[in-house]
Protein backbone atom coordinates (compact mmCIF):
# COMPACT_ATOMS: atom_id res chain seq x y z
CA UNK A 1 -14.84 -33.79 46.70
CA UNK A 2 -12.23 -36.16 44.93
CA UNK A 3 -14.41 -36.46 41.96
CA UNK A 4 -15.11 -32.99 41.72
CA UNK A 5 -11.20 -32.47 41.84
CA UNK A 6 -10.95 -34.81 39.45
CA UNK A 7 -13.49 -33.32 37.00
CA UNK A 8 -11.64 -29.53 37.27
CA UNK A 9 -8.69 -30.93 36.28
CA UNK A 10 -10.10 -33.11 33.24
CA UNK A 11 -11.84 -30.05 32.36
CA UNK A 12 -8.30 -27.69 32.48
CA UNK A 13 -6.74 -30.65 30.68
CA UNK A 14 -9.38 -30.47 27.83
CA UNK A 15 -9.02 -26.44 27.91
CA UNK A 16 -5.08 -26.55 27.47
CA UNK A 17 -5.02 -29.20 24.39
CA UNK A 18 -7.97 -26.96 22.83
CA UNK A 19 -6.06 -24.11 23.66
CA UNK A 20 -3.02 -25.45 22.26
CA UNK A 21 -4.49 -26.61 19.05
CA UNK A 22 -5.97 -23.21 18.19
CA UNK A 23 -2.52 -21.73 18.85
CA UNK A 24 -1.10 -23.91 16.41
CA UNK A 25 -3.93 -23.44 13.85
CA UNK A 26 -3.30 -19.90 13.94
CA UNK A 27 0.20 -20.50 13.46
CA UNK A 28 -0.22 -22.51 10.60
CA UNK A 29 -2.33 -20.50 8.99
CA UNK A 30 -0.12 -17.25 9.85
CA UNK A 31 2.61 -19.60 8.04
CA UNK A 32 0.66 -20.09 4.86
CA UNK A 33 -0.62 -16.48 4.55
CA UNK A 34 3.02 -15.61 4.96
CA UNK A 35 4.01 -18.13 2.39
CA UNK A 36 1.15 -16.47 0.29
CA UNK A 37 2.74 -13.38 0.80
CA UNK A 38 6.16 -14.11 0.01
CA UNK A 39 5.20 -15.83 -3.40
CA UNK A 40 2.37 -13.68 -4.47
CA UNK A 41 4.06 -12.02 -8.14
CA UNK A 42 2.45 -8.90 -7.23
CA UNK A 43 4.79 -8.70 -4.14
CA UNK A 44 8.60 -8.40 -4.54
CA UNK A 45 8.43 -8.97 -8.44
CA UNK A 46 11.89 -9.19 -10.09
CA UNK A 47 12.48 -5.85 -11.26
CA UNK A 48 16.15 -5.83 -12.13
CA UNK A 49 18.68 -8.42 -14.08
CA UNK A 50 21.99 -7.35 -13.64
CA UNK A 51 24.45 -9.10 -16.07
CA UNK A 52 28.52 -8.90 -15.37
CA UNK A 53 31.13 -10.06 -17.40
CA UNK A 54 32.30 -9.09 -21.17
CA UNK A 55 29.60 -10.43 -24.04
CA UNK A 56 29.39 -9.22 -27.53
CA UNK A 57 27.67 -12.38 -29.69
CA UNK A 58 25.15 -13.02 -26.52
CA UNK A 59 21.74 -10.54 -26.94
CA UNK A 60 19.99 -8.71 -23.92
CA UNK A 61 16.61 -10.65 -25.37
CA UNK A 62 18.16 -13.87 -25.17
CA UNK A 63 18.98 -13.23 -21.38
CA UNK A 64 15.37 -11.86 -20.78
CA UNK A 65 13.49 -14.19 -22.10
CA UNK A 66 15.67 -17.42 -20.25
CA UNK A 67 15.30 -15.02 -16.93
CA UNK A 68 11.68 -14.61 -17.59
CA UNK A 69 11.04 -18.28 -19.41
CA UNK A 70 8.29 -16.96 -20.95
CA UNK A 71 6.29 -15.82 -17.89
CA UNK A 72 5.37 -12.46 -16.33
CA UNK A 73 8.05 -11.26 -14.00
CA UNK A 74 8.70 -13.85 -11.03
CA UNK A 75 8.41 -13.33 -7.33
CA UNK A 76 12.10 -12.81 -5.66
CA UNK A 77 11.58 -15.61 -3.61
CA UNK A 78 9.79 -17.94 -6.32
CA UNK A 79 12.73 -17.89 -8.78
CA UNK A 80 14.55 -20.79 -8.85
CA UNK A 81 18.29 -20.21 -9.19
CA UNK A 82 19.27 -23.53 -10.62
CA UNK A 83 16.92 -23.86 -13.17
CA UNK A 84 17.80 -20.33 -14.47
CA UNK A 85 21.38 -21.12 -14.39
CA UNK A 86 20.77 -24.03 -16.50
CA UNK A 87 18.29 -21.94 -19.05
CA UNK A 88 20.84 -19.60 -19.09
CA UNK A 89 24.23 -22.12 -19.87
CA UNK A 90 21.90 -23.96 -22.80
CA UNK A 91 22.35 -20.19 -24.55
CA UNK A 92 24.15 -20.11 -27.42
CA UNK A 93 27.63 -18.28 -26.96
CA UNK A 94 27.84 -19.06 -23.18
CA UNK A 95 30.29 -20.88 -21.97
CA UNK A 96 29.80 -20.49 -17.90
CA UNK A 97 26.99 -18.89 -15.85
CA UNK A 98 26.52 -17.91 -12.16
CA UNK A 99 23.72 -16.74 -10.78
CA UNK A 100 22.51 -15.69 -7.63
CA UNK A 101 19.81 -12.96 -5.90
CA UNK A 102 20.08 -10.11 -4.55
CA UNK A 103 17.87 -8.52 -1.82
CA UNK A 104 14.95 -7.18 -2.65
CA UNK A 105 14.24 -7.69 -5.93
CA UNK A 106 17.43 -8.56 -8.23
CA UNK A 107 19.02 -11.52 -10.08
CA UNK A 108 22.85 -10.84 -10.95
CA UNK A 109 24.54 -12.76 -13.52
CA UNK A 110 27.89 -13.25 -14.14
CA UNK A 111 28.79 -15.13 -17.63
CA UNK A 112 31.53 -15.67 -19.70
CA UNK A 113 31.28 -15.93 -23.56
CA UNK A 114 32.64 -18.74 -25.62
CA UNK A 115 36.04 -17.50 -27.10
CA UNK A 116 35.75 -18.48 -30.63
CA UNK A 117 39.02 -19.39 -32.31
CA UNK A 118 38.03 -20.35 -35.41
CA UNK A 119 35.02 -21.87 -37.59
CA UNK A 120 34.60 -25.54 -37.67
CA UNK A 121 33.77 -27.48 -40.78
CA UNK A 122 31.88 -24.51 -41.96
CA UNK A 123 29.01 -24.78 -39.85
CA UNK A 124 30.09 -24.53 -36.74
CA UNK A 125 32.89 -23.03 -34.38
CA UNK A 126 35.60 -23.98 -31.89
CA UNK A 127 36.85 -22.21 -28.93
CA UNK A 128 40.16 -21.66 -27.39
CA UNK A 129 40.35 -24.66 -25.86
CA UNK A 130 40.20 -27.23 -28.68
CA UNK A 131 35.80 -27.67 -28.32
CA UNK A 132 33.51 -27.70 -30.76
CA UNK A 133 29.97 -25.68 -30.05
CA UNK A 134 26.99 -24.39 -32.49
CA UNK A 135 26.01 -20.59 -32.49
CA UNK A 136 24.56 -18.26 -34.59
CA UNK A 137 27.11 -16.59 -36.78
CA UNK A 138 27.57 -13.50 -35.04
CA UNK A 139 31.42 -12.66 -35.67
CA UNK A 140 31.83 -10.07 -37.53
CA UNK A 141 36.07 -10.36 -37.89
CA UNK A 142 37.51 -12.64 -40.68
CA UNK A 143 38.12 -15.97 -38.62
CA UNK A 144 40.36 -18.72 -39.80
CA UNK A 145 38.21 -21.91 -41.74
CA UNK A 146 39.03 -25.38 -39.89
CA UNK A 147 38.16 -28.54 -41.01
CA UNK A 148 38.86 -32.48 -40.34
CA UNK A 149 36.99 -35.32 -37.80
CA UNK A 150 35.45 -33.89 -35.46
CA UNK A 151 37.56 -36.08 -32.54
CA UNK A 152 40.66 -34.59 -34.05
CA UNK A 153 39.75 -30.77 -33.39
CA UNK A 154 41.85 -29.71 -30.87
CA UNK A 155 44.94 -31.32 -32.75
CA UNK A 156 43.91 -29.35 -35.56
CA UNK A 157 43.45 -26.05 -33.69
CA UNK A 158 47.16 -26.70 -32.11
CA UNK A 159 48.78 -27.56 -35.39
CA UNK A 160 46.91 -24.68 -37.04
CA UNK A 161 48.88 -22.29 -34.56
CA UNK A 162 52.45 -23.82 -35.58
CA UNK A 163 51.56 -23.50 -39.47
CA UNK A 164 50.40 -20.05 -38.75
CA UNK A 165 53.67 -18.49 -36.88
CA UNK A 166 55.89 -20.29 -38.97
CA UNK A 167 54.43 -18.96 -42.28
CA UNK A 168 53.76 -15.36 -40.58
CA UNK A 169 58.15 -15.40 -40.44
CA UNK A 170 57.97 -14.84 -43.82
CA UNK A 171 54.85 -12.95 -44.76
CA UNK A 172 52.50 -15.48 -45.71
CA UNK A 173 49.39 -15.77 -44.22
CA UNK A 174 47.06 -18.89 -42.99
CA UNK A 175 43.60 -18.90 -44.25
CA UNK A 176 42.29 -22.51 -43.65
CA UNK A 177 43.47 -25.62 -42.47
CA UNK A 178 41.99 -29.37 -43.47
CA UNK A 179 42.95 -32.38 -42.31
CA UNK A 180 41.85 -35.01 -44.53
CA UNK A 181 40.66 -38.53 -43.14
CA UNK A 182 44.05 -39.98 -44.07
CA UNK A 183 45.12 -37.70 -41.80
CA UNK A 184 46.95 -35.26 -44.27
CA UNK A 185 47.51 -31.69 -43.62
CA UNK A 186 46.35 -29.17 -46.10
CA UNK A 187 46.54 -25.20 -45.75
CA UNK A 188 45.15 -22.28 -47.71
CA UNK A 189 46.80 -19.21 -47.76
CA UNK A 190 44.92 -15.83 -48.06
CA UNK A 191 46.06 -15.57 -51.81
CA UNK A 192 43.96 -19.07 -52.18
CA UNK A 193 47.26 -20.69 -52.76
CA UNK A 194 47.07 -24.76 -51.62
CA UNK A 195 49.82 -26.51 -49.86
CA UNK A 196 49.48 -30.30 -49.57
CA UNK A 197 51.45 -30.88 -46.40
CA UNK A 198 50.78 -34.45 -45.83
CA UNK A 199 51.25 -36.73 -42.61
CA UNK A 200 55.26 -36.15 -41.71
CA UNK A 201 57.64 -33.76 -41.34
CA UNK A 202 55.34 -30.91 -41.98
CA UNK A 203 57.56 -28.04 -40.54
CA UNK A 204 60.48 -29.09 -43.01
CA UNK A 205 58.47 -28.96 -45.53
CA UNK A 206 56.78 -25.76 -44.79
CA UNK A 207 60.30 -24.33 -45.28
CA UNK A 208 60.74 -26.02 -48.36
CA UNK A 209 57.92 -23.72 -49.45
CA UNK A 210 59.12 -20.99 -47.37
CA UNK A 211 62.53 -20.85 -49.57
CA UNK A 212 61.44 -22.15 -53.01
CA UNK A 213 58.33 -19.97 -53.60
CA UNK A 214 59.55 -16.71 -53.75
CA UNK A 215 61.50 -17.79 -57.07
CA UNK A 216 58.29 -19.83 -58.71
CA UNK A 217 57.27 -17.37 -61.69
CA UNK A 218 54.84 -16.26 -62.55
CA UNK A 219 53.63 -16.63 -58.64
CA UNK A 220 50.34 -15.25 -59.35
CA UNK A 221 49.28 -18.27 -61.41
CA UNK A 222 49.93 -20.76 -58.84
CA UNK A 223 47.14 -22.71 -57.71
CA UNK A 224 48.64 -25.38 -55.25
CA UNK A 225 52.04 -26.74 -54.22
CA UNK A 226 52.20 -30.29 -53.10
CA UNK A 227 55.28 -30.82 -50.69
CA UNK A 228 54.49 -34.38 -50.45
CA UNK A 229 57.88 -35.48 -51.68
CA UNK A 230 61.43 -36.03 -49.91
CA UNK A 231 63.08 -33.70 -51.92
CA UNK A 232 61.53 -30.87 -54.32
CA UNK A 233 57.78 -30.44 -54.91
CA UNK A 234 55.59 -29.80 -57.38
CA UNK A 235 53.68 -26.64 -58.46
CA UNK A 236 49.91 -26.76 -60.30
CA UNK A 237 48.66 -23.69 -62.12
CA UNK A 238 45.96 -21.87 -62.78
CA UNK A 239 43.39 -22.25 -65.75
CA UNK A 240 44.75 -22.71 -69.06
CA UNK A 241 48.69 -22.80 -67.93
CA UNK A 242 47.60 -25.72 -65.75
CA UNK A 243 48.28 -28.19 -68.95
CA UNK A 244 51.48 -26.77 -69.53
CA UNK A 245 53.15 -26.42 -65.99
CA UNK A 246 51.34 -28.91 -63.55
CA UNK A 247 53.52 -31.31 -61.69
CA UNK A 248 56.67 -29.11 -62.39
CA UNK A 249 58.93 -30.45 -60.08
CA UNK A 250 61.60 -28.35 -58.36
């Protein structure tokens, strides 16, 4: 009797373990089936890209290409939001990006563009924070031309605002600012007259130009005005009049 009872107990244990293993195997297979269903590109594909934020330089096809990354539409659950954010941030003209999913089939992107302030050294741009960036030239409105050593970009931008404001008070329009390797300031007006301001007392020297330039004749023949003097300035003339008038002190 005791042996028979032990046999029944052992048999029941084996049946219980077998049943448990079968249940676990069934659950595992079900989990695999659910995973396959969720990640199947033909089920729950990304069908809409919602882009928020004002942008005028970033092209729609660039955004779409970054989302698809060269592939067919991704599955909603398979889409890697962090990888997508990295790809979008790498696009030209993009300053910042945030990405999130919206059930059941949408990707929401909020982006901000670079706020371009001026051109830098002819082939790049500088943003409103004084940071340099490279991007395709899609700016249609005129931009001030800034140039100088790259590590001085923020300083050049800041000083250009001061120069521009001082000159604008008397109706002069600034079109370019250059900081030379010796840290001297050179300005160009919209009439192509160059102003050599030097490294110190820039505001005082510009004021000297503002006060004296209206009495210079003929003004339309002025090529440059050299303000790098303690007092006075020198005028350089265009074309044939240069020999007769260059370096006239006033």
